[in-house]
């Protein structure tokens, strides 16, 4: 069945509506305006649908049930989106875990470039002792993108690594380094085939939105293509990481890749992909006659070589990242 993040609050942003309403880390959201909440996504949906109107949250705190009234505010980053200033456990960048041991490092991220490895135990950040994985996320988000000195235990050796967090402009709009721990804050739900199809449709819609936002930011220069794009080498590395996490994560990863390829086919106007073919059909309809075979052949060859060039550049970028990472180790 599908995997959900439970509706437990991992952090409350200072000065946010949730902060003013008295929300606290560790609160579990039971209901919103009387409607039951089963996963963290339900909170996001209810907040977005509120259009700024007050919401009554029923929370479980220290074995007691409390109510908080909060008025969502407009997100300054994403237009027409309402937020209250809370994050889930685990955060999108890190997972809550009692021990500050790194379970996985995402390729191409600051942690990856700095040489942090799976199995590293974080002892200190900028000289401050780290006892829980959650503290890594807090230190990262409050870093303002400044370089951080990690003291880590690798086997029997104590080493240091300098990590400069990057801004996540797609999902969180906060600073991340690209690591995760083993998170116990997931639940699994068995469901029938038709409900599973509905859930799959929702996930595809959500993933498509994220990827379209990412593509728009790449086009406008708000995201670095060098740091954001990955090719076959990165796909293999990421697939291996997902396989270690389980079959569900592995299949989800390749579903994500399939959606990405589908969007690429439909929105990139290169003659040899679907979008380019559709544009030729539209041009044919406007002109009232087909584009000559000679022109189509030239466009197809140009598009083919453009795709090959793009593949070579991305693969070279992947290899360069791996070489740099090995030099840092």
Protein backbone atom coordinates (compact mmCIF):
# COMPACT_ATOMS: atom_id res chain seq x y z
CA UNK A 1 0.00 0.00 0.00
CA UNK A 2 0.97 3.69 -0.12
CA UNK A 3 3.44 5.25 2.31
CA UNK A 4 2.46 8.36 4.27
CA UNK A 5 4.24 10.88 6.47
CA UNK A 6 2.29 11.03 9.73
CA UNK A 7 0.85 14.44 10.73
CA UNK A 8 3.42 15.24 13.41
CA UNK A 9 4.93 18.74 13.49
CA UNK A 10 8.71 18.71 13.12
CA UNK A 11 9.32 22.45 13.37
CA UNK A 12 7.42 25.72 13.71
CA UNK A 13 8.78 28.78 11.89
CA UNK A 14 9.30 31.77 14.21
CA UNK A 15 6.87 34.61 13.46
CA UNK A 16 4.54 32.37 11.43
CA UNK A 17 0.76 31.95 11.99
CA UNK A 18 1.40 28.56 13.62
CA UNK A 19 3.98 30.12 15.97
CA UNK A 20 1.52 32.86 16.96
CA UNK A 21 -1.24 30.27 17.50
CA UNK A 22 0.91 28.27 19.92
CA UNK A 23 1.84 25.22 17.81
CA UNK A 24 4.79 23.23 19.16
CA UNK A 25 7.26 20.69 17.81
CA UNK A 26 5.97 17.18 18.37
CA UNK A 27 2.28 18.14 18.20
CA UNK A 28 0.21 15.56 16.33
CA UNK A 29 -2.63 17.01 14.24
CA UNK A 30 -5.83 15.01 14.79
CA UNK A 31 -8.46 17.20 13.10
CA UNK A 32 -8.83 20.43 11.12
CA UNK A 33 -12.25 22.10 11.35
CA UNK A 34 -13.64 18.78 12.56
CA UNK A 35 -12.27 16.74 9.63
CA UNK A 36 -9.92 13.88 10.51
CA UNK A 37 -6.28 14.18 9.47
CA UNK A 38 -4.50 10.96 8.45
CA UNK A 39 -1.27 12.25 6.91
CA UNK A 40 0.75 15.45 6.72
CA UNK A 41 -0.46 16.06 3.15
CA UNK A 42 -3.98 16.57 4.58
CA UNK A 43 -2.67 19.57 6.53
CA UNK A 44 -1.12 21.08 3.40
CA UNK A 45 -4.34 20.57 1.41
CA UNK A 46 -6.57 22.07 4.13
CA UNK A 47 -4.26 25.08 4.50
CA UNK A 48 -4.14 25.69 0.74
CA UNK A 49 -7.94 25.39 0.43
CA UNK A 50 -8.56 27.83 3.30
CA UNK A 51 -7.76 30.92 1.17
CA UNK A 52 -6.68 32.66 4.36
CA UNK A 53 -9.74 31.84 6.48
CA UNK A 54 -9.26 30.73 10.10
CA UNK A 55 -8.82 27.01 10.76
CA UNK A 56 -9.37 25.18 14.05
CA UNK A 57 -6.70 22.54 14.68
CA UNK A 58 -7.22 19.74 17.18
CA UNK A 59 -3.80 18.62 18.42
CA UNK A 60 -2.46 15.82 20.58
CA UNK A 61 0.22 17.16 22.95
CA UNK A 62 1.73 15.18 25.83
CA UNK A 63 -1.24 12.78 25.95
CA UNK A 64 -3.64 15.74 26.07
CA UNK A 65 -5.89 17.16 23.35
CA UNK A 66 -5.64 20.90 22.72
CA UNK A 67 -7.22 23.23 20.16
CA UNK A 68 -5.48 26.05 18.31
CA UNK A 69 -7.05 28.55 15.93
CA UNK A 70 -4.76 29.71 13.14
CA UNK A 71 -5.17 32.03 10.15
CA UNK A 72 -3.03 30.94 7.15
CA UNK A 73 -0.97 33.57 5.35
CA UNK A 74 0.03 33.88 1.71
CA UNK A 75 3.33 32.28 0.79
CA UNK A 76 5.82 34.94 -0.31
CA UNK A 77 7.52 32.47 -2.66
CA UNK A 78 4.70 30.59 -4.41
CA UNK A 79 1.81 32.73 -5.63
CA UNK A 80 -1.72 31.98 -4.38
CA UNK A 81 -0.44 29.41 -1.88
CA UNK A 82 -1.41 29.65 1.80
CA UNK A 83 0.81 28.38 4.60
CA UNK A 84 0.91 28.38 8.41
CA UNK A 85 4.64 27.86 8.93
CA UNK A 86 5.11 24.24 9.98
CA UNK A 87 7.18 21.37 8.64
CA UNK A 88 6.67 17.66 8.85
CA UNK A 89 8.76 15.07 10.62
CA UNK A 90 10.85 14.18 8.73
CA UNK A 91 11.75 17.45 7.02
CA UNK A 92 11.94 17.33 3.21
CA UNK A 93 15.73 17.49 3.51
CA UNK A 94 16.40 15.32 6.55
CA UNK A 95 14.64 12.62 8.51
CA UNK A 96 14.11 12.66 12.27
CA UNK A 97 16.07 9.92 13.96
CA UNK A 98 17.33 9.65 17.53
CA UNK A 99 20.92 8.99 16.45
CA UNK A 100 22.62 11.58 14.15
CA UNK A 101 23.85 8.91 11.72
CA UNK A 102 23.58 9.62 7.98
CA UNK A 103 21.54 6.95 6.19
CA UNK A 104 21.85 8.34 2.66
CA UNK A 105 23.47 11.22 0.75
CA UNK A 106 21.76 12.56 -2.38
CA UNK A 107 24.11 12.84 -5.41
CA UNK A 108 25.01 16.38 -6.46
CA UNK A 109 24.08 17.96 -3.11
CA UNK A 110 26.37 19.99 -0.80
CA UNK A 111 26.79 16.98 1.51
CA UNK A 112 27.77 14.81 -1.47
CA UNK A 113 30.30 17.36 -2.74
CA UNK A 114 31.78 17.80 0.76
CA UNK A 115 32.43 14.07 1.04
CA UNK A 116 29.87 13.08 3.67
CA UNK A 117 29.15 9.35 3.51
CA UNK A 118 26.40 6.96 4.49
CA UNK A 119 27.11 5.69 8.00
CA UNK A 120 28.90 8.87 9.12
CA UNK A 121 27.89 9.94 12.62
CA UNK A 122 27.68 13.72 13.08
CA UNK A 123 29.32 14.68 16.37
CA UNK A 124 29.48 18.48 16.10
CA UNK A 125 28.48 21.31 13.77
CA UNK A 126 30.51 24.51 14.13
CA UNK A 127 31.71 23.23 17.49
CA UNK A 128 28.21 22.57 18.86
CA UNK A 129 27.53 18.98 19.96
CA UNK A 130 24.83 17.10 18.01
CA UNK A 131 22.76 14.53 19.90
CA UNK A 132 19.79 13.97 17.55
CA UNK A 133 19.40 13.95 13.79
CA UNK A 134 16.76 16.65 14.09
CA UNK A 135 19.45 19.08 15.28
CA UNK A 136 21.28 18.74 11.95
CA UNK A 137 18.19 20.00 10.13
CA UNK A 138 17.77 22.93 12.51
CA UNK A 139 21.42 23.95 12.13
CA UNK A 140 21.18 23.70 8.34
CA UNK A 141 17.97 25.72 8.02
CA UNK A 142 19.32 28.54 10.23
CA UNK A 143 22.71 28.63 8.48
CA UNK A 144 21.66 31.31 5.96
CA UNK A 145 23.78 29.42 3.43
CA UNK A 146 27.04 30.01 5.31
CA UNK A 147 29.74 27.34 5.39
CA UNK A 148 29.36 24.83 8.24
CA UNK A 149 32.11 22.74 9.83
CA UNK A 150 30.98 19.15 10.45
CA UNK A 151 32.91 16.96 12.86
CA UNK A 152 32.02 13.36 12.05
CA UNK A 153 32.91 9.86 13.19
CA UNK A 154 33.69 7.47 10.34
CA UNK A 155 34.52 4.03 11.66
CA UNK A 156 37.08 4.67 14.40
CA UNK A 157 38.31 7.90 12.81
CA UNK A 158 37.21 11.46 13.68
CA UNK A 159 37.34 13.77 10.64
CA UNK A 160 36.01 17.20 9.65
CA UNK A 161 34.22 18.32 6.50
CA UNK A 162 33.14 21.80 5.38
CA UNK A 163 29.60 21.93 3.96
CA UNK A 164 27.90 24.97 2.41
CA UNK A 165 24.08 24.53 2.43
CA UNK A 166 22.14 25.37 -0.74
CA UNK A 167 18.76 27.05 -1.08
CA UNK A 168 15.94 24.67 -2.00
CA UNK A 169 13.87 26.87 -4.32
CA UNK A 170 11.49 24.11 -5.39
CA UNK A 171 9.93 22.59 -2.27
CA UNK A 172 10.99 24.09 1.07
CA UNK A 173 12.49 27.52 0.25
CA UNK A 174 14.98 26.85 3.06
CA UNK A 175 18.59 25.69 3.23
CA UNK A 176 19.42 22.01 2.78
CA UNK A 177 22.51 19.82 2.45
CA UNK A 178 20.95 16.64 1.02
CA UNK A 179 21.14 13.96 3.69
CA UNK A 180 18.61 11.69 5.38
CA UNK A 181 18.44 9.38 8.36
CA UNK A 182 16.26 6.39 9.13
CA UNK A 183 12.81 7.81 9.82
CA UNK A 184 10.26 6.04 12.03
CA UNK A 185 7.65 8.68 11.19
CA UNK A 186 6.07 6.86 8.27
CA UNK A 187 2.97 4.70 8.17
CA UNK A 188 1.88 2.19 5.57
CA UNK A 189 -1.70 1.66 4.47
CA UNK A 190 -3.06 -1.40 2.68
CA UNK A 191 -5.67 -0.49 0.09
CA UNK A 192 -7.53 -1.96 -2.88
CA UNK A 193 -6.53 -1.67 -6.53
CA UNK A 194 -8.87 1.22 -7.42
CA UNK A 195 -7.90 3.35 -4.42
CA UNK A 196 -4.26 2.69 -5.27
CA UNK A 197 -4.89 4.01 -8.81
CA UNK A 198 -6.38 7.19 -7.36
CA UNK A 199 -3.42 7.61 -5.04
CA UNK A 200 -1.02 7.05 -7.96
CA UNK A 201 -2.82 9.76 -9.94
CA UNK A 202 -2.46 12.23 -7.08
CA UNK A 203 1.25 11.46 -6.76
CA UNK A 204 1.84 11.88 -10.51
CA UNK A 205 0.05 15.24 -10.44
CA UNK A 206 2.14 16.40 -7.46
CA UNK A 207 5.43 15.21 -9.00
CA UNK A 208 4.55 16.87 -12.32
CA UNK A 209 3.90 20.19 -10.58
CA UNK A 210 7.27 20.02 -8.79
CA UNK A 211 9.10 19.21 -12.00
CA UNK A 212 7.38 22.00 -13.94
CA UNK A 213 8.38 24.46 -11.22
CA UNK A 214 11.95 23.16 -11.39
CA UNK A 215 12.03 23.46 -15.20
CA UNK A 216 10.72 27.04 -15.05
CA UNK A 217 13.42 27.94 -12.50
CA UNK A 218 16.10 26.37 -14.72
CA UNK A 219 14.89 28.41 -17.70
CA UNK A 220 14.81 31.67 -15.69
CA UNK A 221 18.20 31.00 -14.10
CA UNK A 222 16.89 30.69 -10.53
CA UNK A 223 18.35 27.17 -10.34
CA UNK A 224 21.80 26.04 -11.43
CA UNK A 225 21.65 23.52 -14.29
CA UNK A 226 25.09 22.21 -13.34
CA UNK A 227 23.98 21.33 -9.80
CA UNK A 228 20.41 20.30 -10.61
CA UNK A 229 20.64 18.12 -13.74
CA UNK A 230 21.71 14.49 -13.61
CA UNK A 231 22.30 11.85 -16.25
CA UNK A 232 22.71 8.07 -16.44
CA UNK A 233 25.50 7.95 -13.84
CA UNK A 234 23.48 9.85 -11.25
CA UNK A 235 20.37 7.80 -12.03
CA UNK A 236 22.27 4.56 -11.37
CA UNK A 237 23.68 5.93 -8.10
CA UNK A 238 20.28 7.17 -6.95
CA UNK A 239 18.61 3.89 -7.97
CA UNK A 240 21.14 1.97 -5.88
CA UNK A 241 20.38 4.19 -2.88
CA UNK A 242 16.64 3.70 -3.35
CA UNK A 243 17.06 -0.08 -3.68
CA UNK A 244 18.79 -0.17 -0.30
CA UNK A 245 15.76 1.58 1.22
CA UNK A 246 13.32 -1.01 -0.09
CA UNK A 247 11.25 -2.02 -3.10
CA UNK A 248 8.66 0.74 -2.53
CA UNK A 249 11.30 3.51 -2.71
CA UNK A 250 12.95 1.82 -5.71
CA UNK A 251 9.72 1.64 -7.74
CA UNK A 252 8.73 5.19 -6.73
CA UNK A 253 12.09 6.50 -7.95
CA UNK A 254 11.63 5.00 -11.42
CA UNK A 255 8.05 6.30 -11.53
CA UNK A 256 9.53 9.75 -10.88
CA UNK A 257 12.00 9.24 -13.76
CA UNK A 258 9.15 8.13 -16.07
CA UNK A 259 7.12 11.25 -15.28
CA UNK A 260 10.21 13.42 -15.88
CA UNK A 261 10.81 11.83 -19.29
CA UNK A 262 7.14 12.22 -20.19
CA UNK A 263 7.20 15.94 -19.35
CA UNK A 264 10.46 16.37 -21.26
CA UNK A 265 8.83 14.82 -24.34
CA UNK A 266 5.80 17.10 -24.11
CA UNK A 267 7.33 20.50 -23.31
CA UNK A 268 10.80 20.57 -24.92
CA UNK A 269 10.40 21.79 -28.55
CA UNK A 270 13.02 19.54 -30.16
CA UNK A 271 11.91 17.99 -33.51
CA UNK A 272 12.72 14.37 -32.60
CA UNK A 273 10.56 14.36 -29.44
CA UNK A 274 6.76 14.51 -29.16
CA UNK A 275 6.59 18.27 -28.56
CA UNK A 276 8.58 18.95 -31.74
CA UNK A 277 6.33 16.64 -33.78
CA UNK A 278 3.22 18.37 -32.42
CA UNK A 279 4.66 21.76 -33.38
CA UNK A 280 5.22 20.50 -36.93
CA UNK A 281 1.58 19.35 -37.10
CA UNK A 282 0.41 22.76 -35.85
CA UNK A 283 2.61 24.49 -38.43
CA UNK A 284 1.17 22.21 -41.11
CA UNK A 285 -2.36 23.16 -40.05
CA UNK A 286 -1.56 26.88 -40.17
CA UNK A 287 0.17 26.68 -43.57
CA UNK A 288 -2.37 24.29 -45.06
CA UNK A 289 0.38 22.02 -46.36
CA UNK A 290 3.03 19.78 -44.79
CA UNK A 291 6.58 20.90 -44.14
CA UNK A 292 8.84 19.58 -46.89
CA UNK A 293 10.64 16.31 -46.29
CA UNK A 294 14.01 18.06 -46.70
CA UNK A 295 13.21 20.57 -43.93
CA UNK A 296 11.86 17.81 -41.68
CA UNK A 297 15.04 15.82 -42.23
CA UNK A 298 17.26 18.81 -41.37
CA UNK A 299 15.22 19.54 -38.22
CA UNK A 300 15.30 15.88 -37.17
CA UNK A 301 19.07 15.67 -37.61
CA UNK A 302 19.57 18.92 -35.71
CA UNK A 303 17.33 17.74 -32.89
CA UNK A 304 19.10 14.39 -32.72
CA UNK A 305 22.55 15.98 -32.43
CA UNK A 306 21.20 18.44 -29.85
CA UNK A 307 19.96 15.53 -27.70
CA UNK A 308 23.29 13.71 -28.07
CA UNK A 309 25.18 16.87 -27.05
CA UNK A 310 22.90 17.32 -24.03
CA UNK A 311 23.42 13.69 -22.99
CA UNK A 312 27.21 14.02 -23.29
CA UNK A 313 27.28 17.25 -21.25
CA UNK A 314 25.09 15.82 -18.48
CA UNK A 315 27.08 12.56 -18.32
CA UNK A 316 30.35 14.51 -18.18
CA UNK A 317 28.87 16.63 -15.38
CA UNK A 318 28.00 13.43 -13.46
CA UNK A 319 31.51 12.02 -13.88
CA UNK A 320 33.10 15.34 -12.84
CA UNK A 321 31.04 15.31 -9.64
CA UNK A 322 32.20 11.77 -8.80
CA UNK A 323 35.87 12.62 -9.47
CA UNK A 324 35.59 15.75 -7.31
CA UNK A 325 33.93 13.78 -4.53
CA UNK A 326 36.69 11.12 -4.58
CA UNK A 327 39.36 13.83 -4.44
CA UNK A 328 37.69 15.32 -1.34
CA UNK A 329 37.54 11.97 0.49
